[in-house]
Amino acid sequence: MEDTKRLGLAFLVILISALIVKLINKFFVFSFTPTLLTFLIVISLFLFGMILNKSRKRRNPAVFKKVISILLVVLLMLMQMGYFTLPFMKNTFDFFGVDAFYINMIYIFCGFMFAD
């Protein structure tokens, strides 16, 4: 029953975030709408990763992983919004073929790592 609740909650996050993004995309036509959508998508993916890592084991109280995951999410989000660029990261992403799909996977992994 616990697994059903945990996976149901993850599915609920998917549905609610999809609905919110769809409604904002349809009814908000402002200059900051793309930024707001990117922010909401990042938060949804991070939350989805956190919910997937709800294990029964005792959590590690170490702060280092949490700080690294938050810094990585903020850095990637600012780069995706175009507010901040690092030439070596752009070159690295281009070399490995990292695009929005893989960056979204990194957001989920950071949420997973944050909840650990």
C-alpha atoms as a PDB file:
ATOM      1  CA  MET A   1       0.000   0.000   0.000  1.00  0.00           C
ATOM      2  CA  GLU A   2       2.892   2.338   0.763  1.00  0.00           C
ATOM      3  CA  ASP A   3       4.336   1.880  -2.742  1.00  0.00           C
ATOM      4  CA  THR A   4       0.958   2.640  -4.302  1.00  0.00           C
ATOM      5  CA  LYS A   5       0.702   5.833  -2.257  1.00  0.00           C
ATOM      6  CA  ARG A   6       4.253   6.887  -3.182  1.00  0.00           C
ATOM      7  CA  LEU A   7       3.810   6.191  -6.894  1.00  0.00           C
ATOM      8  CA  GLY A   8       0.334   7.738  -6.869  1.00  0.00           C
ATOM      9  CA  LEU A   9       1.802  10.897  -5.408  1.00  0.00           C
ATOM     10  CA  ALA A  10       4.445  10.972  -8.161  1.00  0.00           C
ATOM     11  CA  PHE A  11       1.717  10.520 -10.773  1.00  0.00           C
ATOM     12  CA  LEU A  12      -0.292  13.314  -9.129  1.00  0.00           C
ATOM     13  CA  VAL A  13       2.735  15.632  -9.398  1.00  0.00           C
ATOM     14  CA  ILE A  14       2.918  14.847 -13.117  1.00  0.00           C
ATOM     15  CA  LEU A  15      -0.782  15.578 -13.658  1.00  0.00           C
ATOM     16  CA  ILE A  16      -0.898  18.759 -11.592  1.00  0.00           C
ATOM     17  CA  SER A  17       2.282  20.198 -13.074  1.00  0.00           C
ATOM     18  CA  ALA A  18       1.085  19.421 -16.614  1.00  0.00           C
ATOM     19  CA  LEU A  19      -2.232  21.117 -15.872  1.00  0.00           C
ATOM     20  CA  ILE A  20      -0.597  24.200 -14.358  1.00  0.00           C
ATOM     21  CA  VAL A  21       1.859  24.557 -17.259  1.00  0.00           C
ATOM     22  CA  LYS A  22      -0.971  24.136 -19.788  1.00  0.00           C
ATOM     23  CA  LEU A  23      -3.161  26.733 -18.035  1.00  0.00           C
ATOM     24  CA  ILE A  24      -0.341  29.261 -17.722  1.00  0.00           C
ATOM     25  CA  ASN A  25       0.648  28.710 -21.338  1.00  0.00           C
ATOM     26  CA  LYS A  26      -2.943  29.280 -22.448  1.00  0.00           C
ATOM     27  CA  PHE A  27      -4.064  32.176 -20.242  1.00  0.00           C
ATOM     28  CA  PHE A  28      -0.902  34.128 -19.388  1.00  0.00           C
ATOM     29  CA  VAL A  29       0.451  36.120 -22.313  1.00  0.00           C
ATOM     30  CA  PHE A  30       3.083  38.304 -20.717  1.00  0.00           C
ATOM     31  CA  SER A  31       6.741  38.913 -21.436  1.00  0.00           C
ATOM     32  CA  PHE A  32       7.780  36.824 -18.414  1.00  0.00           C
ATOM     33  CA  THR A  33       5.636  33.783 -19.283  1.00  0.00           C
ATOM     34  CA  PRO A  34       8.505  31.693 -20.770  1.00  0.00           C
ATOM     35  CA  THR A  35      10.597  32.363 -17.655  1.00  0.00           C
ATOM     36  CA  LEU A  36       7.684  31.396 -15.410  1.00  0.00           C
ATOM     37  CA  LEU A  37       7.101  28.211 -17.406  1.00  0.00           C
ATOM     38  CA  THR A  38      10.761  27.219 -17.199  1.00  0.00           C
ATOM     39  CA  PHE A  39      10.747  27.852 -13.456  1.00  0.00           C
ATOM     40  CA  LEU A  40       7.598  25.763 -12.944  1.00  0.00           C
ATOM     41  CA  ILE A  41       8.935  22.908 -15.056  1.00  0.00           C
ATOM     42  CA  VAL A  42      12.208  22.857 -13.104  1.00  0.00           C
ATOM     43  CA  ILE A  43      10.354  22.852  -9.779  1.00  0.00           C
ATOM     44  CA  SER A  44       8.046  20.068 -11.000  1.00  0.00           C
ATOM     45  CA  LEU A  45      10.935  17.885 -12.161  1.00  0.00           C
ATOM     46  CA  PHE A  46      12.866  18.453  -8.942  1.00  0.00           C
ATOM     47  CA  LEU A  47       9.781  17.618  -6.854  1.00  0.00           C
ATOM     48  CA  PHE A  48       9.158  14.530  -8.972  1.00  0.00           C
ATOM     49  CA  GLY A  49      12.701  13.313  -8.275  1.00  0.00           C
ATOM     50  CA  MET A  50      12.271  13.956  -4.558  1.00  0.00           C
ATOM     51  CA  ILE A  51       9.032  11.982  -4.418  1.00  0.00           C
ATOM     52  CA  LEU A  52      10.603   9.043  -6.240  1.00  0.00           C
ATOM     53  CA  ASN A  53      13.273   8.801  -3.521  1.00  0.00           C
ATOM     54  CA  LYS A  54      10.978   8.297  -0.570  1.00  0.00           C
ATOM     55  CA  SER A  55      12.661   5.196   0.792  1.00  0.00           C
ATOM     56  CA  ARG A  56      12.134   3.582   4.162  1.00  0.00           C
ATOM     57  CA  LYS A  57      15.804   3.802   5.052  1.00  0.00           C
ATOM     58  CA  ARG A  58      17.139   6.443   7.377  1.00  0.00           C
ATOM     59  CA  ARG A  59      18.122   9.617   5.569  1.00  0.00           C
ATOM     60  CA  ASN A  60      21.706  10.783   5.394  1.00  0.00           C
ATOM     61  CA  PRO A  61      21.948  14.072   7.340  1.00  0.00           C
ATOM     62  CA  ALA A  62      24.869  15.293   5.201  1.00  0.00           C
ATOM     63  CA  VAL A  63      24.311  18.740   3.760  1.00  0.00           C
ATOM     64  CA  PHE A  64      26.924  18.600   0.989  1.00  0.00           C
ATOM     65  CA  LYS A  65      24.755  16.627  -1.470  1.00  0.00           C
ATOM     66  CA  LYS A  66      21.805  18.915  -0.837  1.00  0.00           C
ATOM     67  CA  VAL A  67      23.851  22.060  -1.455  1.00  0.00           C
ATOM     68  CA  ILE A  68      25.419  20.633  -4.623  1.00  0.00           C
ATOM     69  CA  SER A  69      22.037  19.561  -5.991  1.00  0.00           C
ATOM     70  CA  ILE A  70      20.456  22.978  -5.329  1.00  0.00           C
ATOM     71  CA  LEU A  71      23.425  24.843  -6.832  1.00  0.00           C
ATOM     72  CA  LEU A  72      23.364  22.623  -9.913  1.00  0.00           C
ATOM     73  CA  VAL A  73      19.627  23.147 -10.384  1.00  0.00           C
ATOM     74  CA  VAL A  74      19.935  26.930 -10.036  1.00  0.00           C
ATOM     75  CA  LEU A  75      22.927  27.038 -12.412  1.00  0.00           C
ATOM     76  CA  LEU A  76      21.186  24.934 -15.066  1.00  0.00           C
ATOM     77  CA  MET A  77      17.927  26.850 -14.691  1.00  0.00           C
ATOM     78  CA  LEU A  78      19.662  30.219 -15.124  1.00  0.00           C
ATOM     79  CA  MET A  79      21.512  28.870 -18.141  1.00  0.00           C
ATOM     80  CA  GLN A  80      18.279  27.550 -19.629  1.00  0.00           C
ATOM     81  CA  MET A  81      16.566  30.903 -19.128  1.00  0.00           C
ATOM     82  CA  GLY A  82      19.489  32.696 -20.756  1.00  0.00           C
ATOM     83  CA  TYR A  83      20.422  34.817 -17.733  1.00  0.00           C
ATOM     84  CA  PHE A  84      23.783  33.179 -17.182  1.00  0.00           C
ATOM     85  CA  THR A  85      26.193  31.313 -19.429  1.00  0.00           C
ATOM     86  CA  LEU A  86      29.459  29.544 -18.871  1.00  0.00           C
ATOM     87  CA  PRO A  87      31.356  28.958 -22.119  1.00  0.00           C
ATOM     88  CA  PHE A  88      33.044  25.768 -20.912  1.00  0.00           C
ATOM     89  CA  MET A  89      29.692  24.259 -19.836  1.00  0.00           C
ATOM     90  CA  LYS A  90      28.121  25.144 -23.165  1.00  0.00           C
ATOM     91  CA  ASN A  91      31.052  23.542 -24.986  1.00  0.00           C
ATOM     92  CA  THR A  92      30.849  20.468 -22.753  1.00  0.00           C
ATOM     93  CA  PHE A  93      27.087  20.142 -23.308  1.00  0.00           C
ATOM     94  CA  ASP A  94      27.577  20.500 -27.060  1.00  0.00           C
ATOM     95  CA  PHE A  95      30.364  17.894 -27.059  1.00  0.00           C
ATOM     96  CA  PHE A  96      28.267  15.317 -25.194  1.00  0.00           C
ATOM     97  CA  GLY A  97      25.052  16.234 -27.003  1.00  0.00           C
ATOM     98  CA  VAL A  98      23.255  17.391 -23.876  1.00  0.00           C
ATOM     99  CA  ASP A  99      19.989  19.101 -24.760  1.00  0.00           C
ATOM    100  CA  ALA A 100      16.791  19.951 -22.860  1.00  0.00           C
ATOM    101  CA  PHE A 101      15.811  16.290 -22.422  1.00  0.00           C
ATOM    102  CA  TYR A 102      19.028  15.430 -20.604  1.00  0.00           C
ATOM    103  CA  ILE A 103      18.934  18.613 -18.577  1.00  0.00           C
ATOM    104  CA  ASN A 104      15.447  17.607 -17.426  1.00  0.00           C
ATOM    105  CA  MET A 105      16.869  14.247 -16.401  1.00  0.00           C
ATOM    106  CA  ILE A 106      19.537  16.100 -14.393  1.00  0.00           C
ATOM    107  CA  TYR A 107      16.789  18.054 -12.602  1.00  0.00           C
ATOM    108  CA  ILE A 108      15.068  14.802 -11.640  1.00  0.00           C
ATOM    109  CA  PHE A 109      18.376  13.322 -10.477  1.00  0.00           C
ATOM    110  CA  CYS A 110      19.088  16.419  -8.369  1.00  0.00           C
ATOM    111  CA  GLY A 111      15.672  16.079  -6.715  1.00  0.00           C
ATOM    112  CA  PHE A 112      16.374  12.399  -6.098  1.00  0.00           C
ATOM    113  CA  MET A 113      19.787  13.250  -4.624  1.00  0.00           C
ATOM    114  CA  PHE A 114      18.320  16.059  -2.484  1.00  0.00           C
ATOM    115  CA  ALA A 115      15.829  13.690  -0.844  1.00  0.00           C
ATOM    116  CA  ASP A 116      18.512  11.096  -0.083  1.00  0.00           C
END
